[in-house]
Amino acid sequence: MKKTIAAFSLVAALFAASTIPASGTSAAAPELPAACTGLVTDLAAKLKKTIDSLLPLPNVGAVTPLIGDMLGIVTAMQNAGCLPTPPVSAPAVPLPAKAAEYAGPVDQCLPAVLNLISAVAGLGGAILGAAGGTPPDAGKVTALLTAVHKAVTDLLNKCGLPAPPGGVPALPAPALPVEQS
């Protein structure tokens, strides 16, 4: 009888251990699509080219296509399932098919995606909005580029994306302090 009770106790303990999750464990992070690593590397490369084209003096001709390239990479990341897309009401035109849906932390990642899109668009507006061939204000460009750099860093951290080889390109130290508004 004692052997039977001991056997039932052992079976009950094993069953309880297999069905009750440990308090310190959490769900595994979803695995990112393979394309995400390449897209992150492309984004870092475009950011580096943008930094090199804008600092210390803005080269509007060199940076103009890079603005569109960075926005295109964000769209490609959304289509590959690396990033969430903003929810939209019924679109007037059909949306393109996606290769995969994003499965990560949308509540943290979606604001980071929108901040990056906004920062890149703001930088593009400052660069492309320079009147009549007049170079854009270097201080404003530096502040906007700093915002893009921070948005890329936040995107990688909050969306669980892998760091690009060599990390996010660093901004050079400014020669003069830049006022941020």
Protein backbone atom coordinates (compact mmCIF):
# COMPACT_ATOMS: atom_id res chain seq x y z
CA MET A 1 0.00 0.00 0.00
CA LYS A 2 2.84 2.37 0.82
CA LYS A 3 4.37 1.71 -2.62
CA THR A 4 1.08 2.56 -4.34
CA ILE A 5 0.70 5.83 -2.40
CA ALA A 6 4.31 6.76 -3.14
CA ALA A 7 3.82 6.00 -6.85
CA PHE A 8 0.63 8.11 -7.00
CA SER A 9 2.39 10.93 -5.17
CA LEU A 10 5.26 10.80 -7.64
CA VAL A 11 2.91 10.80 -10.63
CA ALA A 12 0.90 13.69 -9.16
CA ALA A 13 4.08 15.70 -8.52
CA LEU A 14 5.33 15.10 -12.07
CA PHE A 15 1.95 16.05 -13.52
CA ALA A 16 1.80 19.24 -11.46
CA ALA A 17 5.34 20.20 -12.45
CA SER A 18 4.58 19.72 -16.14
CA THR A 19 1.32 21.70 -16.16
CA ILE A 20 2.09 24.63 -13.87
CA PRO A 21 4.50 27.11 -15.47
CA ALA A 22 7.41 28.25 -13.37
CA SER A 23 6.86 31.74 -11.98
CA GLY A 24 10.15 33.10 -13.33
CA THR A 25 9.68 31.90 -16.90
CA SER A 26 8.18 33.94 -19.68
CA ALA A 27 6.99 33.14 -23.14
CA ALA A 28 9.75 32.84 -25.69
CA ALA A 29 10.13 35.80 -27.99
CA PRO A 30 8.78 35.11 -31.46
CA GLU A 31 11.39 34.23 -34.02
CA LEU A 32 11.95 36.95 -36.59
CA PRO A 33 11.82 36.20 -40.30
CA ALA A 34 15.25 35.61 -41.88
CA ALA A 35 14.92 38.75 -44.02
CA CYS A 36 14.96 40.99 -40.93
CA THR A 37 18.71 40.72 -40.39
CA GLY A 38 19.46 41.83 -43.93
CA LEU A 39 16.95 44.67 -43.76
CA VAL A 40 18.40 45.91 -40.45
CA THR A 41 21.86 45.84 -42.03
CA ASP A 42 20.54 47.82 -45.02
CA LEU A 43 18.90 50.36 -42.71
CA ALA A 44 22.16 50.84 -40.78
CA ALA A 45 24.09 51.24 -44.05
CA LYS A 46 21.65 53.89 -45.32
CA LEU A 47 21.81 55.67 -41.96
CA LYS A 48 25.62 55.70 -42.17
CA LYS A 49 25.50 57.14 -45.70
CA THR A 50 22.99 59.74 -44.54
CA ILE A 51 25.21 60.76 -41.63
CA ASP A 52 28.24 60.97 -43.94
CA SER A 53 26.25 63.05 -46.46
CA LEU A 54 24.89 65.50 -43.90
CA LEU A 55 27.69 66.10 -41.44
CA PRO A 56 29.59 68.36 -41.11
CA LEU A 57 27.96 70.12 -44.12
CA PRO A 58 24.74 68.91 -45.76
CA ASN A 59 25.05 67.50 -49.28
CA VAL A 60 21.45 67.69 -50.46
CA GLY A 61 22.09 65.84 -53.71
CA ALA A 62 23.69 62.87 -51.96
CA VAL A 63 21.13 62.53 -49.20
CA THR A 64 17.93 63.02 -51.21
CA PRO A 65 17.65 59.41 -52.45
CA LEU A 66 18.68 58.07 -49.03
CA ILE A 67 15.55 59.55 -47.41
CA GLY A 68 13.35 57.53 -49.76
CA ASP A 69 15.56 54.48 -49.35
CA MET A 70 15.17 54.52 -45.56
CA LEU A 71 11.39 54.84 -45.83
CA GLY A 72 11.40 52.00 -48.37
CA ILE A 73 13.37 49.79 -45.98
CA VAL A 74 10.81 50.43 -43.22
CA THR A 75 8.05 49.38 -45.63
CA ALA A 76 10.03 46.28 -46.63
CA MET A 77 10.49 45.42 -42.93
CA GLN A 78 6.74 45.70 -42.41
CA ASN A 79 6.01 43.52 -45.45
CA ALA A 80 8.52 40.90 -44.26
CA GLY A 81 6.90 40.71 -40.82
CA CYS A 82 9.82 42.38 -39.00
CA LEU A 83 7.70 45.36 -37.95
CA PRO A 84 4.01 45.97 -37.35
CA THR A 85 2.02 48.14 -39.73
CA PRO A 86 -0.27 50.84 -38.39
CA PRO A 87 -3.92 49.84 -38.32
CA VAL A 88 -5.93 51.53 -41.05
CA SER A 89 -9.59 51.84 -41.85
CA ALA A 90 -10.85 50.26 -45.04
CA PRO A 91 -8.32 51.30 -47.67
CA ALA A 92 -9.49 52.83 -50.94
CA VAL A 93 -7.00 50.69 -52.84
CA PRO A 94 -6.04 47.12 -52.01
CA LEU A 95 -2.93 46.80 -49.85
CA PRO A 96 -0.08 44.65 -51.17
CA ALA A 97 0.19 41.14 -49.80
CA LYS A 98 2.63 40.59 -46.95
CA ALA A 99 5.13 37.79 -46.72
CA ALA A 100 4.58 37.48 -42.96
CA GLU A 101 2.76 39.15 -40.10
CA TYR A 102 4.64 40.77 -37.21
CA ALA A 103 4.36 38.68 -34.03
CA GLY A 104 6.32 40.81 -31.55
CA PRO A 105 5.34 43.42 -28.94
CA VAL A 106 3.09 45.74 -30.99
CA ASP A 107 2.38 48.08 -28.06
CA GLN A 108 6.10 48.94 -27.79
CA CYS A 109 7.13 48.54 -31.40
CA LEU A 110 4.41 50.39 -33.30
CA PRO A 111 5.19 53.77 -31.64
CA ALA A 112 8.88 53.22 -32.48
CA VAL A 113 7.98 52.52 -36.13
CA LEU A 114 5.85 55.66 -36.32
CA ASN A 115 8.56 57.74 -34.63
CA LEU A 116 11.13 56.53 -37.17
CA ILE A 117 8.85 57.30 -40.12
CA SER A 118 8.14 60.75 -38.66
CA ALA A 119 11.83 61.48 -37.98
CA VAL A 120 12.91 60.42 -41.48
CA ALA A 121 10.07 62.44 -43.04
CA GLY A 122 11.04 65.48 -40.93
CA LEU A 123 14.65 65.19 -42.04
CA GLY A 124 13.51 64.82 -45.65
CA GLY A 125 11.31 67.88 -45.32
CA ALA A 126 14.19 69.96 -43.99
CA ILE A 127 16.57 68.73 -46.70
CA LEU A 128 14.18 68.93 -49.63
CA GLY A 129 12.46 72.07 -48.36
CA ALA A 130 15.59 74.22 -48.57
CA ALA A 131 14.58 77.20 -50.68
CA GLY A 132 16.11 77.77 -54.10
CA GLY A 133 19.29 75.79 -53.72
CA THR A 134 20.12 77.38 -50.38
CA PRO A 135 21.69 74.75 -48.15
CA PRO A 136 19.55 73.77 -45.17
CA ASP A 137 20.42 75.03 -41.69
CA ALA A 138 23.22 72.77 -40.41
CA GLY A 139 22.02 73.03 -36.80
CA LYS A 140 18.48 71.99 -37.72
CA VAL A 141 19.77 69.14 -39.88
CA THR A 142 22.00 67.93 -37.04
CA ALA A 143 19.07 67.97 -34.61
CA LEU A 144 16.83 66.10 -37.06
CA LEU A 145 19.56 63.58 -37.85
CA THR A 146 20.01 63.00 -34.12
CA ALA A 147 16.25 62.31 -33.92
CA VAL A 148 16.52 59.77 -36.78
CA HIS A 149 19.49 58.11 -35.06
CA LYS A 150 17.57 57.83 -31.77
CA ALA A 151 14.49 56.52 -33.61
CA VAL A 152 16.55 53.77 -35.30
CA THR A 153 18.09 52.79 -31.95
CA ASP A 154 14.65 52.72 -30.30
CA LEU A 155 13.24 50.67 -33.18
CA LEU A 156 15.92 48.00 -32.77
CA ASN A 157 15.47 47.87 -28.99
CA LYS A 158 11.68 47.99 -28.78
CA CYS A 159 10.92 45.72 -31.74
CA GLY A 160 13.39 42.98 -30.82
CA LEU A 161 15.36 43.37 -34.03
CA PRO A 162 18.96 42.17 -34.23
CA ALA A 163 21.73 44.75 -34.01
CA PRO A 164 23.41 45.39 -37.35
CA PRO A 165 27.01 44.25 -37.75
CA GLY A 166 29.13 46.89 -36.01
CA GLY A 167 26.05 48.37 -34.31
CA VAL A 168 24.13 51.49 -35.22
CA PRO A 169 26.48 54.00 -36.88
CA ALA A 170 27.58 56.68 -34.43
CA LEU A 171 26.99 60.36 -34.92
CA PRO A 172 30.18 62.42 -34.93
CA ALA A 173 30.65 64.77 -32.02
CA PRO A 174 29.42 68.24 -33.00
CA ALA A 175 32.02 70.96 -33.34
CA LEU A 176 29.63 73.40 -31.70
CA PRO A 177 26.78 72.69 -29.31
CA VAL A 178 23.49 72.37 -31.15
CA GLU A 179 20.37 73.84 -29.60
CA GLN A 180 17.45 71.48 -29.57
CA SER A 181 13.96 72.84 -29.53
